[in-house]
Amino acid sequence: MSKDKIAYIALLLALVGSNAFWVYQSIDFGISYTYMEASATGCHRMLRVAVAVIPTIADPESGKLETVRAAEKAANADSFEKDGLVWIDGLGLGFNESGRVVKASDGTLDSFWPHT
């Protein structure tokens, strides 16, 4: 084989390899962006619920029922109880015996407020 053919094949392989790399990078970026967007949407929904329950948490006259209703209205979703928390659209709220919010969680490990 001549030097010209070897150089041509090497350049062709380099071009195909670099194009394959950029295709892989583009696909990987698209997938990562999709996951990031889904995570941001979930955080936005939880923030909307958290902000909606602030007035009921601050009101000493309101209790668990009012707080859960405000959260359900903001989330446009039903609540359910699991692991001692009331879950509304990804946000878990823990109540004491008098109906006051004493903890909150987003479902990840070590995400409880207050930290114990």
C-alpha atoms as a PDB file:
ATOM      1  CA  MET A   1       0.000   0.000   0.000  1.00  0.00           C
ATOM      2  CA  SER A   2       1.191   3.436  -0.784  1.00  0.00           C
ATOM      3  CA  LYS A   3       1.607   6.179   1.749  1.00  0.00           C
ATOM      4  CA  ASP A   4      -1.235   8.105   0.124  1.00  0.00           C
ATOM      5  CA  LYS A   5      -3.687   5.231   0.620  1.00  0.00           C
ATOM      6  CA  ILE A   6      -2.638   4.806   4.250  1.00  0.00           C
ATOM      7  CA  ALA A   7      -3.077   8.537   4.893  1.00  0.00           C
ATOM      8  CA  TYR A   8      -6.461   8.488   3.128  1.00  0.00           C
ATOM      9  CA  ILE A   9      -7.694   5.524   5.226  1.00  0.00           C
ATOM     10  CA  ALA A  10      -6.367   7.090   8.447  1.00  0.00           C
ATOM     11  CA  LEU A  11      -8.109  10.382   7.721  1.00  0.00           C
ATOM     12  CA  LEU A  12     -11.311   8.586   6.784  1.00  0.00           C
ATOM     13  CA  LEU A  13     -11.261   6.606  10.047  1.00  0.00           C
ATOM     14  CA  ALA A  14     -10.556   9.774  12.016  1.00  0.00           C
ATOM     15  CA  LEU A  15     -13.488  11.542  10.340  1.00  0.00           C
ATOM     16  CA  VAL A  16     -15.891   8.661  10.943  1.00  0.00           C
ATOM     17  CA  GLY A  17     -14.666   8.322  14.540  1.00  0.00           C
ATOM     18  CA  SER A  18     -15.052  12.008  15.307  1.00  0.00           C
ATOM     19  CA  ASN A  19     -18.537  12.083  13.758  1.00  0.00           C
ATOM     20  CA  ALA A  20     -19.546   9.041  15.815  1.00  0.00           C
ATOM     21  CA  PHE A  21     -18.253  10.804  18.922  1.00  0.00           C
ATOM     22  CA  TRP A  22     -20.317  13.927  18.185  1.00  0.00           C
ATOM     23  CA  VAL A  23     -23.443  11.861  17.493  1.00  0.00           C
ATOM     24  CA  TYR A  24     -22.976  10.106  20.833  1.00  0.00           C
ATOM     25  CA  GLN A  25     -22.449  13.444  22.613  1.00  0.00           C
ATOM     26  CA  SER A  26     -25.598  14.912  21.044  1.00  0.00           C
ATOM     27  CA  ILE A  27     -27.740  11.949  22.053  1.00  0.00           C
ATOM     28  CA  ASP A  28     -26.286  11.959  25.562  1.00  0.00           C
ATOM     29  CA  PHE A  29     -26.964  15.687  25.910  1.00  0.00           C
ATOM     30  CA  GLY A  30     -30.565  15.227  24.768  1.00  0.00           C
ATOM     31  CA  ILE A  31     -31.183  12.478  27.301  1.00  0.00           C
ATOM     32  CA  SER A  32     -29.530  14.447  30.111  1.00  0.00           C
ATOM     33  CA  TYR A  33     -31.551  17.544  29.236  1.00  0.00           C
ATOM     34  CA  THR A  34     -34.780  15.531  29.327  1.00  0.00           C
ATOM     35  CA  TYR A  35     -33.985  14.214  32.814  1.00  0.00           C
ATOM     36  CA  MET A  36     -32.995  17.688  33.998  1.00  0.00           C
ATOM     37  CA  GLU A  37     -36.250  19.144  32.676  1.00  0.00           C
ATOM     38  CA  ALA A  38     -38.303  16.446  34.423  1.00  0.00           C
ATOM     39  CA  SER A  39     -36.455  17.085  37.680  1.00  0.00           C
ATOM     40  CA  ALA A  40     -37.007  20.844  37.416  1.00  0.00           C
ATOM     41  CA  THR A  41     -40.699  20.308  36.719  1.00  0.00           C
ATOM     42  CA  GLY A  42     -41.022  18.103  39.806  1.00  0.00           C
ATOM     43  CA  CYS A  43     -39.220  20.669  41.945  1.00  0.00           C
ATOM     44  CA  HIS A  44     -41.461  23.418  40.603  1.00  0.00           C
ATOM     45  CA  ARG A  45     -44.588  21.419  41.480  1.00  0.00           C
ATOM     46  CA  MET A  46     -43.321  20.737  45.011  1.00  0.00           C
ATOM     47  CA  LEU A  47     -42.411  24.403  45.460  1.00  0.00           C
ATOM     48  CA  ARG A  48     -45.912  25.432  44.343  1.00  0.00           C
ATOM     49  CA  VAL A  49     -47.412  23.116  46.975  1.00  0.00           C
ATOM     50  CA  ALA A  50     -45.009  24.308  49.680  1.00  0.00           C
ATOM     51  CA  VAL A  51     -45.769  27.971  48.990  1.00  0.00           C
ATOM     52  CA  ALA A  52     -49.511  27.266  48.986  1.00  0.00           C
ATOM     53  CA  VAL A  53     -49.426  25.758  52.481  1.00  0.00           C
ATOM     54  CA  ILE A  54     -47.393  28.566  54.087  1.00  0.00           C
ATOM     55  CA  PRO A  55     -50.484  30.609  55.054  1.00  0.00           C
ATOM     56  CA  THR A  56     -52.141  27.616  56.724  1.00  0.00           C
ATOM     57  CA  ILE A  57     -48.934  26.643  58.510  1.00  0.00           C
ATOM     58  CA  ALA A  58     -48.520  30.216  59.778  1.00  0.00           C
ATOM     59  CA  ASP A  59     -52.132  30.433  60.977  1.00  0.00           C
ATOM     60  CA  PRO A  60     -52.332  29.111  64.554  1.00  0.00           C
ATOM     61  CA  GLU A  61     -56.043  28.372  64.076  1.00  0.00           C
ATOM     62  CA  SER A  62     -55.585  26.024  61.125  1.00  0.00           C
ATOM     63  CA  GLY A  63     -54.751  22.359  61.434  1.00  0.00           C
ATOM     64  CA  LYS A  64     -53.911  19.306  59.412  1.00  0.00           C
ATOM     65  CA  LEU A  65     -57.136  19.294  57.392  1.00  0.00           C
ATOM     66  CA  GLU A  66     -56.753  22.904  56.204  1.00  0.00           C
ATOM     67  CA  THR A  67     -53.087  22.380  55.338  1.00  0.00           C
ATOM     68  CA  VAL A  68     -53.790  19.219  53.361  1.00  0.00           C
ATOM     69  CA  ARG A  69     -56.705  20.857  51.532  1.00  0.00           C
ATOM     70  CA  ALA A  70     -54.535  23.853  50.565  1.00  0.00           C
ATOM     71  CA  ALA A  71     -51.814  21.504  49.293  1.00  0.00           C
ATOM     72  CA  GLU A  72     -54.282  19.374  47.330  1.00  0.00           C
ATOM     73  CA  LYS A  73     -55.800  22.472  45.754  1.00  0.00           C
ATOM     74  CA  ALA A  74     -52.381  23.813  44.714  1.00  0.00           C
ATOM     75  CA  ALA A  75     -51.292  20.449  43.330  1.00  0.00           C
ATOM     76  CA  ASN A  76     -54.647  19.572  41.823  1.00  0.00           C
ATOM     77  CA  ALA A  77     -54.016  16.085  43.203  1.00  0.00           C
ATOM     78  CA  ASP A  78     -55.163  13.850  46.025  1.00  0.00           C
ATOM     79  CA  SER A  79     -53.042  13.150  49.072  1.00  0.00           C
ATOM     80  CA  PHE A  80     -52.110   9.835  50.633  1.00  0.00           C
ATOM     81  CA  GLU A  81     -50.373   8.744  53.816  1.00  0.00           C
ATOM     82  CA  LYS A  82     -47.200   6.694  53.795  1.00  0.00           C
ATOM     83  CA  ASP A  83     -44.398   6.293  56.355  1.00  0.00           C
ATOM     84  CA  GLY A  84     -46.039   8.733  58.754  1.00  0.00           C
ATOM     85  CA  LEU A  85     -46.203  11.546  56.212  1.00  0.00           C
ATOM     86  CA  VAL A  86     -49.015  12.949  54.088  1.00  0.00           C
ATOM     87  CA  TRP A  87     -47.801  13.033  50.479  1.00  0.00           C
ATOM     88  CA  ILE A  88     -49.086  15.587  47.998  1.00  0.00           C
ATOM     89  CA  ASP A  89     -47.471  15.715  44.550  1.00  0.00           C
ATOM     90  CA  GLY A  90     -44.029  14.627  45.764  1.00  0.00           C
ATOM     91  CA  LEU A  91     -43.985  16.669  48.961  1.00  0.00           C
ATOM     92  CA  GLY A  92     -44.357  14.811  52.240  1.00  0.00           C
ATOM     93  CA  LEU A  93     -45.663  16.661  55.291  1.00  0.00           C
ATOM     94  CA  GLY A  94     -45.487  15.311  58.824  1.00  0.00           C
ATOM     95  CA  PHE A  95     -47.929  16.518  61.459  1.00  0.00           C
ATOM     96  CA  ASN A  96     -47.896  16.353  65.254  1.00  0.00           C
ATOM     97  CA  GLU A  97     -50.876  15.452  67.450  1.00  0.00           C
ATOM     98  CA  SER A  98     -52.254  18.992  67.328  1.00  0.00           C
ATOM     99  CA  GLY A  99     -52.215  19.088  63.503  1.00  0.00           C
ATOM    100  CA  ARG A 100     -49.179  21.338  63.066  1.00  0.00           C
ATOM    101  CA  VAL A 101     -46.552  20.634  60.408  1.00  0.00           C
ATOM    102  CA  VAL A 102     -43.401  19.407  62.112  1.00  0.00           C
ATOM    103  CA  LYS A 103     -41.484  17.875  59.197  1.00  0.00           C
ATOM    104  CA  ALA A 104     -41.307  17.938  55.429  1.00  0.00           C
ATOM    105  CA  SER A 105     -39.630  15.703  52.871  1.00  0.00           C
ATOM    106  CA  ASP A 106     -39.174  15.478  49.138  1.00  0.00           C
ATOM    107  CA  GLY A 107     -38.810  11.718  49.292  1.00  0.00           C
ATOM    108  CA  THR A 108     -35.035  11.489  49.062  1.00  0.00           C
ATOM    109  CA  LEU A 109     -32.934  10.078  51.846  1.00  0.00           C
ATOM    110  CA  ASP A 110     -31.888  12.590  54.493  1.00  0.00           C
ATOM    111  CA  SER A 111     -34.225  15.248  53.116  1.00  0.00           C
ATOM    112  CA  PHE A 112     -36.325  15.722  56.203  1.00  0.00           C
ATOM    113  CA  TRP A 113     -36.813  19.110  57.701  1.00  0.00           C
ATOM    114  CA  PRO A 114     -35.938  19.633  60.454  1.00  0.00           C
ATOM    115  CA  HIS A 115     -32.808  17.535  60.307  1.00  0.00           C
ATOM    116  CA  THR A 116     -32.713  15.101  63.177  1.00  0.00           C
END
